[in-house]
mmCIF file of all heavy atoms, coordinates in Angstrom:
data_MODEL
# 
_entry.id   MODEL 
# 
loop_
_atom_site.group_PDB 
_atom_site.id 
_atom_site.type_symbol 
_atom_site.label_atom_id 
_atom_site.label_alt_id 
_atom_site.label_comp_id 
_atom_site.label_asym_id 
_atom_site.label_entity_id 
_atom_site.label_seq_id 
_atom_site.pdbx_PDB_ins_code 
_atom_site.Cartn_x 
_atom_site.Cartn_y 
_atom_site.Cartn_z 
_atom_site.occupancy 
_atom_site.B_iso_or_equiv 
_atom_site.pdbx_formal_charge 
_atom_site.auth_seq_id 
_atom_site.auth_comp_id 
_atom_site.auth_asym_id 
_atom_site.auth_atom_id 
_atom_site.pdbx_PDB_model_num 
ATOM 1   N N   . ILE A 1 1  ? 80.590 30.000 -30.231 1.00 0.00 ? 1  ILE A N   1 
ATOM 2   C CA  . ILE A 1 1  ? 79.265 29.763 -30.591 1.00 0.00 ? 1  ILE A CA  1 
ATOM 3   C C   . ILE A 1 1  ? 78.731 30.641 -31.578 1.00 0.00 ? 1  ILE A C   1 
ATOM 4   O O   . ILE A 1 1  ? 77.654 30.363 -32.258 1.00 0.00 ? 1  ILE A O   1 
ATOM 5   C CB  . ILE A 1 1  ? 78.153 29.900 -29.375 1.00 0.00 ? 1  ILE A CB  1 
ATOM 6   C CG1 . ILE A 1 1  ? 78.251 31.192 -28.781 1.00 0.00 ? 1  ILE A CG1 1 
ATOM 7   C CG2 . ILE A 1 1  ? 78.656 28.899 -28.312 1.00 0.00 ? 1  ILE A CG2 1 
ATOM 8   C CD1 . ILE A 1 1  ? 77.220 31.456 -27.624 1.00 0.00 ? 1  ILE A CD1 1 
ATOM 9   N N   . GLU A 1 2  ? 79.409 31.770 -31.996 1.00 0.00 ? 2  GLU A N   1 
ATOM 10  C CA  . GLU A 1 2  ? 79.037 32.665 -32.959 1.00 0.00 ? 2  GLU A CA  1 
ATOM 11  C C   . GLU A 1 2  ? 79.743 32.492 -34.263 1.00 0.00 ? 2  GLU A C   1 
ATOM 12  O O   . GLU A 1 2  ? 79.550 33.119 -35.262 1.00 0.00 ? 2  GLU A O   1 
ATOM 13  C CB  . GLU A 1 2  ? 79.144 34.056 -32.610 1.00 0.00 ? 2  GLU A CB  1 
ATOM 14  C CG  . GLU A 1 2  ? 78.335 34.561 -31.283 1.00 0.00 ? 2  GLU A CG  1 
ATOM 15  C CD  . GLU A 1 2  ? 78.629 35.892 -30.801 1.00 0.00 ? 2  GLU A CD  1 
ATOM 16  O OE1 . GLU A 1 2  ? 79.706 36.532 -31.442 1.00 0.00 ? 2  GLU A OE1 1 
ATOM 17  O OE2 . GLU A 1 2  ? 77.907 36.298 -29.850 1.00 0.00 ? 2  GLU A OE2 1 
ATOM 18  N N   . ASP A 1 3  ? 80.809 31.484 -34.298 1.00 0.00 ? 3  ASP A N   1 
ATOM 19  C CA  . ASP A 1 3  ? 81.598 31.177 -35.486 1.00 0.00 ? 3  ASP A CA  1 
ATOM 20  C C   . ASP A 1 3  ? 80.782 30.239 -36.254 1.00 0.00 ? 3  ASP A C   1 
ATOM 21  O O   . ASP A 1 3  ? 80.499 29.246 -35.932 1.00 0.00 ? 3  ASP A O   1 
ATOM 22  C CB  . ASP A 1 3  ? 82.898 30.642 -35.016 1.00 0.00 ? 3  ASP A CB  1 
ATOM 23  C CG  . ASP A 1 3  ? 83.877 30.417 -36.118 1.00 0.00 ? 3  ASP A CG  1 
ATOM 24  O OD1 . ASP A 1 3  ? 83.362 30.583 -37.287 1.00 0.00 ? 3  ASP A OD1 1 
ATOM 25  O OD2 . ASP A 1 3  ? 85.144 30.267 -35.935 1.00 0.00 ? 3  ASP A OD2 1 
ATOM 26  N N   . PRO A 1 4  ? 80.601 30.729 -37.516 1.00 0.00 ? 4  PRO A N   1 
ATOM 27  C CA  . PRO A 1 4  ? 79.823 29.817 -38.449 1.00 0.00 ? 4  PRO A CA  1 
ATOM 28  C C   . PRO A 1 4  ? 80.547 28.374 -38.581 1.00 0.00 ? 4  PRO A C   1 
ATOM 29  O O   . PRO A 1 4  ? 79.872 27.467 -38.839 1.00 0.00 ? 4  PRO A O   1 
ATOM 30  C CB  . PRO A 1 4  ? 79.770 30.462 -39.735 1.00 0.00 ? 4  PRO A CB  1 
ATOM 31  C CG  . PRO A 1 4  ? 80.108 31.989 -39.372 1.00 0.00 ? 4  PRO A CG  1 
ATOM 32  C CD  . PRO A 1 4  ? 80.875 31.923 -38.197 1.00 0.00 ? 4  PRO A CD  1 
ATOM 33  N N   . VAL A 1 5  ? 81.850 28.396 -38.657 1.00 0.00 ? 5  VAL A N   1 
ATOM 34  C CA  . VAL A 1 5  ? 82.499 27.033 -38.790 1.00 0.00 ? 5  VAL A CA  1 
ATOM 35  C C   . VAL A 1 5  ? 82.132 26.216 -37.770 1.00 0.00 ? 5  VAL A C   1 
ATOM 36  O O   . VAL A 1 5  ? 81.868 24.963 -37.811 1.00 0.00 ? 5  VAL A O   1 
ATOM 37  C CB  . VAL A 1 5  ? 84.027 27.348 -39.108 1.00 0.00 ? 5  VAL A CB  1 
ATOM 38  C CG1 . VAL A 1 5  ? 84.736 25.991 -39.107 1.00 0.00 ? 5  VAL A CG1 1 
ATOM 39  C CG2 . VAL A 1 5  ? 84.297 28.197 -40.172 1.00 0.00 ? 5  VAL A CG2 1 
ATOM 40  N N   . VAL A 1 6  ? 82.278 26.772 -36.455 1.00 0.00 ? 6  VAL A N   1 
ATOM 41  C CA  . VAL A 1 6  ? 81.954 25.986 -35.281 1.00 0.00 ? 6  VAL A CA  1 
ATOM 42  C C   . VAL A 1 6  ? 80.545 25.424 -35.176 1.00 0.00 ? 6  VAL A C   1 
ATOM 43  O O   . VAL A 1 6  ? 80.239 24.276 -34.939 1.00 0.00 ? 6  VAL A O   1 
ATOM 44  C CB  . VAL A 1 6  ? 82.218 26.849 -34.039 1.00 0.00 ? 6  VAL A CB  1 
ATOM 45  C CG1 . VAL A 1 6  ? 81.830 26.004 -32.733 1.00 0.00 ? 6  VAL A CG1 1 
ATOM 46  C CG2 . VAL A 1 6  ? 83.674 27.255 -33.951 1.00 0.00 ? 6  VAL A CG2 1 
ATOM 47  N N   . VAL A 1 7  ? 79.617 26.378 -35.638 1.00 0.00 ? 7  VAL A N   1 
ATOM 48  C CA  . VAL A 1 7  ? 78.122 25.948 -35.719 1.00 0.00 ? 7  VAL A CA  1 
ATOM 49  C C   . VAL A 1 7  ? 78.077 24.796 -36.746 1.00 0.00 ? 7  VAL A C   1 
ATOM 50  O O   . VAL A 1 7  ? 77.338 23.791 -36.471 1.00 0.00 ? 7  VAL A O   1 
ATOM 51  C CB  . VAL A 1 7  ? 77.311 27.095 -36.121 1.00 0.00 ? 7  VAL A CB  1 
ATOM 52  C CG1 . VAL A 1 7  ? 75.895 26.684 -36.425 1.00 0.00 ? 7  VAL A CG1 1 
ATOM 53  C CG2 . VAL A 1 7  ? 77.229 28.146 -35.145 1.00 0.00 ? 7  VAL A CG2 1 
ATOM 54  N N   . GLU A 1 8  ? 78.758 24.867 -37.897 1.00 0.00 ? 8  GLU A N   1 
ATOM 55  C CA  . GLU A 1 8  ? 78.753 23.749 -38.883 1.00 0.00 ? 8  GLU A CA  1 
ATOM 56  C C   . GLU A 1 8  ? 79.239 22.480 -38.385 1.00 0.00 ? 8  GLU A C   1 
ATOM 57  O O   . GLU A 1 8  ? 78.711 21.444 -38.519 1.00 0.00 ? 8  GLU A O   1 
ATOM 58  C CB  . GLU A 1 8  ? 79.450 24.265 -40.133 1.00 0.00 ? 8  GLU A CB  1 
ATOM 59  C CG  . GLU A 1 8  ? 79.353 23.230 -41.211 1.00 0.00 ? 8  GLU A CG  1 
ATOM 60  C CD  . GLU A 1 8  ? 80.145 23.598 -42.535 1.00 0.00 ? 8  GLU A CD  1 
ATOM 61  O OE1 . GLU A 1 8  ? 80.642 24.753 -42.536 1.00 0.00 ? 8  GLU A OE1 1 
ATOM 62  O OE2 . GLU A 1 8  ? 80.233 22.868 -43.498 1.00 0.00 ? 8  GLU A OE2 1 
ATOM 63  N N   . LEU A 1 9  ? 80.438 22.664 -37.748 1.00 0.00 ? 9  LEU A N   1 
ATOM 64  C CA  . LEU A 1 9  ? 81.087 21.362 -37.160 1.00 0.00 ? 9  LEU A CA  1 
ATOM 65  C C   . LEU A 1 9  ? 80.211 20.789 -36.013 1.00 0.00 ? 9  LEU A C   1 
ATOM 66  O O   . LEU A 1 9  ? 80.186 19.639 -35.788 1.00 0.00 ? 9  LEU A O   1 
ATOM 67  C CB  . LEU A 1 9  ? 82.435 21.757 -36.560 1.00 0.00 ? 9  LEU A CB  1 
ATOM 68  C CG  . LEU A 1 9  ? 83.529 22.204 -37.592 1.00 0.00 ? 9  LEU A CG  1 
ATOM 69  C CD1 . LEU A 1 9  ? 84.797 22.627 -36.891 1.00 0.00 ? 9  LEU A CD1 1 
ATOM 70  C CD2 . LEU A 1 9  ? 83.848 21.080 -38.517 1.00 0.00 ? 9  LEU A CD2 1 
ATOM 71  N N   . ALA A 1 10 ? 79.498 21.753 -35.195 1.00 0.00 ? 10 ALA A N   1 
ATOM 72  C CA  . ALA A 1 10 ? 78.775 21.259 -34.119 1.00 0.00 ? 10 ALA A CA  1 
ATOM 73  C C   . ALA A 1 10 ? 77.582 20.485 -34.769 1.00 0.00 ? 10 ALA A C   1 
ATOM 74  O O   . ALA A 1 10 ? 77.148 19.371 -34.234 1.00 0.00 ? 10 ALA A O   1 
ATOM 75  C CB  . ALA A 1 10 ? 78.268 22.359 -33.257 1.00 0.00 ? 10 ALA A CB  1 
ATOM 76  N N   . GLU A 1 11 ? 76.876 21.081 -35.814 1.00 0.00 ? 11 GLU A N   1 
ATOM 77  C CA  . GLU A 1 11 ? 75.701 20.383 -36.335 1.00 0.00 ? 11 GLU A CA  1 
ATOM 78  C C   . GLU A 1 11 ? 76.120 19.131 -36.930 1.00 0.00 ? 11 GLU A C   1 
ATOM 79  O O   . GLU A 1 11 ? 75.418 17.998 -37.025 1.00 0.00 ? 11 GLU A O   1 
ATOM 80  C CB  . GLU A 1 11 ? 75.127 21.206 -37.482 1.00 0.00 ? 11 GLU A CB  1 
ATOM 81  C CG  . GLU A 1 11 ? 74.408 22.536 -36.959 1.00 0.00 ? 11 GLU A CG  1 
ATOM 82  C CD  . GLU A 1 11 ? 73.912 23.451 -37.876 1.00 0.00 ? 11 GLU A CD  1 
ATOM 83  O OE1 . GLU A 1 11 ? 74.097 23.018 -39.109 1.00 0.00 ? 11 GLU A OE1 1 
ATOM 84  O OE2 . GLU A 1 11 ? 73.217 24.349 -37.675 1.00 0.00 ? 11 GLU A OE2 1 
ATOM 85  N N   . ARG A 1 12 ? 77.435 19.030 -37.540 1.00 0.00 ? 12 ARG A N   1 
ATOM 86  C CA  . ARG A 1 12 ? 77.852 17.772 -38.152 1.00 0.00 ? 12 ARG A CA  1 
ATOM 87  C C   . ARG A 1 12 ? 78.033 16.746 -36.996 1.00 0.00 ? 12 ARG A C   1 
ATOM 88  O O   . ARG A 1 12 ? 77.719 15.545 -37.150 1.00 0.00 ? 12 ARG A O   1 
ATOM 89  C CB  . ARG A 1 12 ? 79.182 17.959 -38.879 1.00 0.00 ? 12 ARG A CB  1 
ATOM 90  C CG  . ARG A 1 12 ? 79.693 16.708 -39.615 1.00 0.00 ? 12 ARG A CG  1 
ATOM 91  C CD  . ARG A 1 12 ? 81.118 16.941 -40.194 1.00 0.00 ? 12 ARG A CD  1 
ATOM 92  N NE  . ARG A 1 12 ? 81.187 18.068 -41.037 1.00 0.00 ? 12 ARG A NE  1 
ATOM 93  C CZ  . ARG A 1 12 ? 82.263 18.556 -41.536 1.00 0.00 ? 12 ARG A CZ  1 
ATOM 94  N NH1 . ARG A 1 12 ? 83.448 18.097 -41.144 1.00 0.00 ? 12 ARG A NH1 1 
ATOM 95  N NH2 . ARG A 1 12 ? 82.257 19.670 -42.294 1.00 0.00 ? 12 ARG A NH2 1 
ATOM 96  N N   . LEU A 1 13 ? 78.540 17.275 -35.879 1.00 0.00 ? 13 LEU A N   1 
ATOM 97  C CA  . LEU A 1 13 ? 78.778 16.254 -34.775 1.00 0.00 ? 13 LEU A CA  1 
ATOM 98  C C   . LEU A 1 13 ? 77.477 15.800 -34.258 1.00 0.00 ? 13 LEU A C   1 
ATOM 99  O O   . LEU A 1 13 ? 77.371 14.563 -33.919 1.00 0.00 ? 13 LEU A O   1 
ATOM 100 C CB  . LEU A 1 13 ? 79.607 17.091 -33.613 1.00 0.00 ? 13 LEU A CB  1 
ATOM 101 C CG  . LEU A 1 13 ? 79.804 16.385 -32.184 1.00 0.00 ? 13 LEU A CG  1 
ATOM 102 C CD1 . LEU A 1 13 ? 80.542 14.973 -32.536 1.00 0.00 ? 13 LEU A CD1 1 
ATOM 103 C CD2 . LEU A 1 13 ? 80.394 17.201 -31.229 1.00 0.00 ? 13 LEU A CD2 1 
ATOM 104 N N   . VAL A 1 14 ? 76.486 16.661 -34.064 1.00 0.00 ? 14 VAL A N   1 
ATOM 105 C CA  . VAL A 1 14 ? 75.272 16.177 -33.592 1.00 0.00 ? 14 VAL A CA  1 
ATOM 106 C C   . VAL A 1 14 ? 74.699 15.216 -34.568 1.00 0.00 ? 14 VAL A C   1 
ATOM 107 O O   . VAL A 1 14 ? 74.016 14.210 -34.187 1.00 0.00 ? 14 VAL A O   1 
ATOM 108 C CB  . VAL A 1 14 ? 74.216 17.548 -33.279 1.00 0.00 ? 14 VAL A CB  1 
ATOM 109 C CG1 . VAL A 1 14 ? 72.972 17.009 -33.114 1.00 0.00 ? 14 VAL A CG1 1 
ATOM 110 C CG2 . VAL A 1 14 ? 74.918 18.343 -32.319 1.00 0.00 ? 14 VAL A CG2 1 
ATOM 111 N N   . GLY A 1 15 ? 74.753 15.536 -35.912 1.00 0.00 ? 15 GLY A N   1 
ATOM 112 C CA  . GLY A 1 15 ? 74.274 14.649 -36.942 1.00 0.00 ? 15 GLY A CA  1 
ATOM 113 C C   . GLY A 1 15 ? 74.828 13.223 -36.833 1.00 0.00 ? 15 GLY A C   1 
ATOM 114 O O   . GLY A 1 15 ? 74.105 12.299 -36.885 1.00 0.00 ? 15 GLY A O   1 
ATOM 115 N N   . ASN A 1 16 ? 76.101 13.290 -36.685 1.00 0.00 ? 16 ASN A N   1 
ATOM 116 C CA  . ASN A 1 16 ? 76.772 12.022 -36.741 1.00 0.00 ? 16 ASN A CA  1 
ATOM 117 C C   . ASN A 1 16 ? 76.480 11.236 -35.566 1.00 0.00 ? 16 ASN A C   1 
ATOM 118 O O   . ASN A 1 16 ? 76.300 9.994  -35.391 1.00 0.00 ? 16 ASN A O   1 
ATOM 119 C CB  . ASN A 1 16 ? 78.338 12.256 -36.838 1.00 0.00 ? 16 ASN A CB  1 
ATOM 120 C CG  . ASN A 1 16 ? 78.701 12.717 -38.182 1.00 0.00 ? 16 ASN A CG  1 
ATOM 121 O OD1 . ASN A 1 16 ? 77.969 12.410 -39.240 1.00 0.00 ? 16 ASN A OD1 1 
ATOM 122 N ND2 . ASN A 1 16 ? 79.734 13.463 -38.346 1.00 0.00 ? 16 ASN A ND2 1 
ATOM 123 N N   . PHE A 1 17 ? 76.493 12.038 -34.412 1.00 0.00 ? 17 PHE A N   1 
ATOM 124 C CA  . PHE A 1 17 ? 76.069 11.355 -33.203 1.00 0.00 ? 17 PHE A CA  1 
ATOM 125 C C   . PHE A 1 17 ? 74.645 10.743 -33.187 1.00 0.00 ? 17 PHE A C   1 
ATOM 126 O O   . PHE A 1 17 ? 74.414 9.508  -32.740 1.00 0.00 ? 17 PHE A O   1 
ATOM 127 C CB  . PHE A 1 17 ? 76.152 12.327 -31.908 1.00 0.00 ? 17 PHE A CB  1 
ATOM 128 C CG  . PHE A 1 17 ? 75.561 11.822 -30.563 1.00 0.00 ? 17 PHE A CG  1 
ATOM 129 C CD1 . PHE A 1 17 ? 76.470 11.022 -29.895 1.00 0.00 ? 17 PHE A CD1 1 
ATOM 130 C CD2 . PHE A 1 17 ? 74.429 12.141 -30.172 1.00 0.00 ? 17 PHE A CD2 1 
ATOM 131 C CE1 . PHE A 1 17 ? 76.020 10.567 -28.704 1.00 0.00 ? 17 PHE A CE1 1 
ATOM 132 C CE2 . PHE A 1 17 ? 73.909 11.754 -28.991 1.00 0.00 ? 17 PHE A CE2 1 
ATOM 133 C CZ  . PHE A 1 17 ? 74.680 10.892 -28.240 1.00 0.00 ? 17 PHE A CZ  1 
ATOM 134 N N   . GLN A 1 18 ? 73.768 11.421 -33.816 1.00 0.00 ? 18 GLN A N   1 
ATOM 135 C CA  . GLN A 1 18 ? 72.327 10.894 -33.842 1.00 0.00 ? 18 GLN A CA  1 
ATOM 136 C C   . GLN A 1 18 ? 72.369 9.796  -34.751 1.00 0.00 ? 18 GLN A C   1 
ATOM 137 O O   . GLN A 1 18 ? 71.665 8.780  -34.392 1.00 0.00 ? 18 GLN A O   1 
ATOM 138 C CB  . GLN A 1 18 ? 71.494 12.099 -34.505 1.00 0.00 ? 18 GLN A CB  1 
ATOM 139 C CG  . GLN A 1 18 ? 70.101 11.713 -34.699 1.00 0.00 ? 18 GLN A CG  1 
ATOM 140 C CD  . GLN A 1 18 ? 69.144 12.770 -35.282 1.00 0.00 ? 18 GLN A CD  1 
ATOM 141 O OE1 . GLN A 1 18 ? 69.551 14.055 -34.991 1.00 0.00 ? 18 GLN A OE1 1 
ATOM 142 N NE2 . GLN A 1 18 ? 68.076 12.546 -35.858 1.00 0.00 ? 18 GLN A NE2 1 
ATOM 143 N N   . LYS A 1 19 ? 72.962 9.816  -35.962 1.00 0.00 ? 19 LYS A N   1 
ATOM 144 C CA  . LYS A 1 19 ? 73.016 8.605  -36.736 1.00 0.00 ? 19 LYS A CA  1 
ATOM 145 C C   . LYS A 1 19 ? 73.678 7.424  -36.024 1.00 0.00 ? 19 LYS A C   1 
ATOM 146 O O   . LYS A 1 19 ? 73.160 6.302  -36.211 1.00 0.00 ? 19 LYS A O   1 
ATOM 147 C CB  . LYS A 1 19 ? 73.910 8.860  -38.035 1.00 0.00 ? 19 LYS A CB  1 
ATOM 148 C CG  . LYS A 1 19 ? 73.107 9.918  -38.868 1.00 0.00 ? 19 LYS A CG  1 
ATOM 149 C CD  . LYS A 1 19 ? 74.030 10.159 -40.085 1.00 0.00 ? 19 LYS A CD  1 
ATOM 150 C CE  . LYS A 1 19 ? 73.274 11.292 -41.074 1.00 0.00 ? 19 LYS A CE  1 
ATOM 151 N NZ  . LYS A 1 19 ? 74.158 11.657 -42.215 1.00 0.00 ? 19 LYS A NZ  1 
ATOM 152 N N   . ALA A 1 20 ? 74.816 7.630  -35.240 1.00 0.00 ? 20 ALA A N   1 
ATOM 153 C CA  . ALA A 1 20 ? 75.434 6.528  -34.655 1.00 0.00 ? 20 ALA A CA  1 
ATOM 154 C C   . ALA A 1 20 ? 74.574 5.973  -33.487 1.00 0.00 ? 20 ALA A C   1 
ATOM 155 O O   . ALA A 1 20 ? 74.416 4.784  -33.292 1.00 0.00 ? 20 ALA A O   1 
ATOM 156 C CB  . ALA A 1 20 ? 76.848 7.010  -34.030 1.00 0.00 ? 20 ALA A CB  1 
ATOM 157 N N   . LEU A 1 21 ? 73.824 6.762  -32.700 1.00 0.00 ? 21 LEU A N   1 
ATOM 158 C CA  . LEU A 1 21 ? 72.869 6.590  -31.778 1.00 0.00 ? 21 LEU A CA  1 
ATOM 159 C C   . LEU A 1 21 ? 71.847 5.664  -32.348 1.00 0.00 ? 21 LEU A C   1 
ATOM 160 O O   . LEU A 1 21 ? 71.478 4.558  -31.786 1.00 0.00 ? 21 LEU A O   1 
ATOM 161 C CB  . LEU A 1 21 ? 72.489 7.663  -30.961 1.00 0.00 ? 21 LEU A CB  1 
ATOM 162 C CG  . LEU A 1 21 ? 71.478 7.322  -29.791 1.00 0.00 ? 21 LEU A CG  1 
ATOM 163 C CD1 . LEU A 1 21 ? 72.143 6.416  -28.715 1.00 0.00 ? 21 LEU A CD1 1 
ATOM 164 C CD2 . LEU A 1 21 ? 71.065 8.664  -29.125 1.00 0.00 ? 21 LEU A CD2 1 
ATOM 165 N N   . GLU A 1 22 ? 71.206 6.220  -33.397 1.00 0.00 ? 22 GLU A N   1 
ATOM 166 C CA  . GLU A 1 22 ? 70.148 5.382  -34.123 1.00 0.00 ? 22 GLU A CA  1 
ATOM 167 C C   . GLU A 1 22 ? 70.614 4.098  -34.573 1.00 0.00 ? 22 GLU A C   1 
ATOM 168 O O   . GLU A 1 22 ? 69.723 3.115  -34.409 1.00 0.00 ? 22 GLU A O   1 
ATOM 169 C CB  . GLU A 1 22 ? 69.723 6.224  -35.174 1.00 0.00 ? 22 GLU A CB  1 
ATOM 170 C CG  . GLU A 1 22 ? 68.448 5.711  -35.859 1.00 0.00 ? 22 GLU A CG  1 
ATOM 171 C CD  . GLU A 1 22 ? 67.940 6.535  -37.153 1.00 0.00 ? 22 GLU A CD  1 
ATOM 172 O OE1 . GLU A 1 22 ? 68.625 7.636  -37.412 1.00 0.00 ? 22 GLU A OE1 1 
ATOM 173 O OE2 . GLU A 1 22 ? 67.061 6.053  -37.749 1.00 0.00 ? 22 GLU A OE2 1 
ATOM 174 N N   . LEU A 1 23 ? 71.663 3.989  -35.155 1.00 0.00 ? 23 LEU A N   1 
ATOM 175 C CA  . LEU A 1 23 ? 72.202 2.712  -35.510 1.00 0.00 ? 23 LEU A CA  1 
ATOM 176 C C   . LEU A 1 23 ? 72.335 1.794  -34.356 1.00 0.00 ? 23 LEU A C   1 
ATOM 177 O O   . LEU A 1 23 ? 71.926 0.571  -34.624 1.00 0.00 ? 23 LEU A O   1 
ATOM 178 C CB  . LEU A 1 23 ? 73.515 2.873  -36.244 1.00 0.00 ? 23 LEU A CB  1 
ATOM 179 C CG  . LEU A 1 23 ? 74.120 1.581  -36.878 1.00 0.00 ? 23 LEU A CG  1 
ATOM 180 C CD1 . LEU A 1 23 ? 73.397 1.143  -38.022 1.00 0.00 ? 23 LEU A CD1 1 
ATOM 181 C CD2 . LEU A 1 23 ? 75.529 1.977  -37.408 1.00 0.00 ? 23 LEU A CD2 1 
ATOM 182 N N   . GLU A 1 24 ? 72.825 2.155  -33.303 1.00 0.00 ? 24 GLU A N   1 
ATOM 183 C CA  . GLU A 1 24 ? 72.852 1.207  -32.103 1.00 0.00 ? 24 GLU A CA  1 
ATOM 184 C C   . GLU A 1 24 ? 71.513 0.878  -31.549 1.00 0.00 ? 24 GLU A C   1 
ATOM 185 O O   . GLU A 1 24 ? 71.386 -0.196 -31.112 1.00 0.00 ? 24 GLU A O   1 
ATOM 186 C CB  . GLU A 1 24 ? 73.875 1.908  -31.012 1.00 0.00 ? 24 GLU A CB  1 
ATOM 187 C CG  . GLU A 1 24 ? 75.288 2.065  -31.559 1.00 0.00 ? 24 GLU A CG  1 
ATOM 188 C CD  . GLU A 1 24 ? 75.872 0.759  -31.698 1.00 0.00 ? 24 GLU A CD  1 
ATOM 189 O OE1 . GLU A 1 24 ? 75.621 -0.282 -31.023 1.00 0.00 ? 24 GLU A OE1 1 
ATOM 190 O OE2 . GLU A 1 24 ? 76.743 0.634  -32.757 1.00 0.00 ? 24 GLU A OE2 1 
ATOM 191 N N   . LEU A 1 25 ? 70.666 1.884  -31.501 1.00 0.00 ? 25 LEU A N   1 
ATOM 192 C CA  . LEU A 1 25 ? 69.359 1.582  -30.991 1.00 0.00 ? 25 LEU A CA  1 
ATOM 193 C C   . LEU A 1 25 ? 68.536 0.701  -31.835 1.00 0.00 ? 25 LEU A C   1 
ATOM 194 O O   . LEU A 1 25 ? 67.676 -0.011 -31.279 1.00 0.00 ? 25 LEU A O   1 
ATOM 195 C CB  . LEU A 1 25 ? 68.600 2.951  -30.757 1.00 0.00 ? 25 LEU A CB  1 
ATOM 196 C CG  . LEU A 1 25 ? 69.057 3.857  -29.686 1.00 0.00 ? 25 LEU A CG  1 
ATOM 197 C CD1 . LEU A 1 25 ? 68.269 5.094  -29.597 1.00 0.00 ? 25 LEU A CD1 1 
ATOM 198 C CD2 . LEU A 1 25 ? 68.966 3.159  -28.274 1.00 0.00 ? 25 LEU A CD2 1 
ATOM 199 N N   . LYS A 1 26 ? 68.836 0.729  -33.165 1.00 0.00 ? 26 LYS A N   1 
ATOM 200 C CA  . LYS A 1 26 ? 68.098 -0.139 -34.058 1.00 0.00 ? 26 LYS A CA  1 
ATOM 201 C C   . LYS A 1 26 ? 68.615 -1.615 -33.854 1.00 0.00 ? 26 LYS A C   1 
ATOM 202 O O   . LYS A 1 26 ? 67.879 -2.553 -34.387 1.00 0.00 ? 26 LYS A O   1 
ATOM 203 C CB  . LYS A 1 26 ? 68.330 0.234  -35.493 1.00 0.00 ? 26 LYS A CB  1 
ATOM 204 C CG  . LYS A 1 26 ? 67.476 1.462  -35.846 1.00 0.00 ? 26 LYS A CG  1 
ATOM 205 C CD  . LYS A 1 26 ? 67.570 1.727  -37.343 1.00 0.00 ? 26 LYS A CD  1 
ATOM 206 C CE  . LYS A 1 26 ? 66.721 2.980  -37.711 1.00 0.00 ? 26 LYS A CE  1 
ATOM 207 N NZ  . LYS A 1 26 ? 66.989 3.346  -39.127 1.00 0.00 ? 26 LYS A NZ  1 
ATOM 208 N N   . LYS A 1 27 ? 69.629 -1.923 -33.207 1.00 0.00 ? 27 LYS A N   1 
ATOM 209 C CA  . LYS A 1 27 ? 70.083 -3.215 -32.937 1.00 0.00 ? 27 LYS A CA  1 
ATOM 210 C C   . LYS A 1 27 ? 69.034 -3.949 -31.987 1.00 0.00 ? 27 LYS A C   1 
ATOM 211 O O   . LYS A 1 27 ? 68.637 -3.261 -31.031 1.00 0.00 ? 27 LYS A O   1 
ATOM 212 C CB  . LYS A 1 27 ? 71.417 -3.306 -32.446 1.00 0.00 ? 27 LYS A CB  1 
ATOM 213 C CG  . LYS A 1 27 ? 72.524 -2.930 -33.385 1.00 0.00 ? 27 LYS A CG  1 
ATOM 214 C CD  . LYS A 1 27 ? 73.882 -2.954 -32.706 1.00 0.00 ? 27 LYS A CD  1 
ATOM 215 C CE  . LYS A 1 27 ? 75.050 -2.461 -33.756 1.00 0.00 ? 27 LYS A CE  1 
ATOM 216 N NZ  . LYS A 1 27 ? 76.282 -2.574 -33.133 1.00 0.00 ? 27 LYS A NZ  1 
# 
């Protein structure tokens, strides 16, 4: 959780998850 790479990957994961969830919810 203190690794910048992990933080960046986690933020990317959350962002992609949010976009995917939003896309599905917009259906």
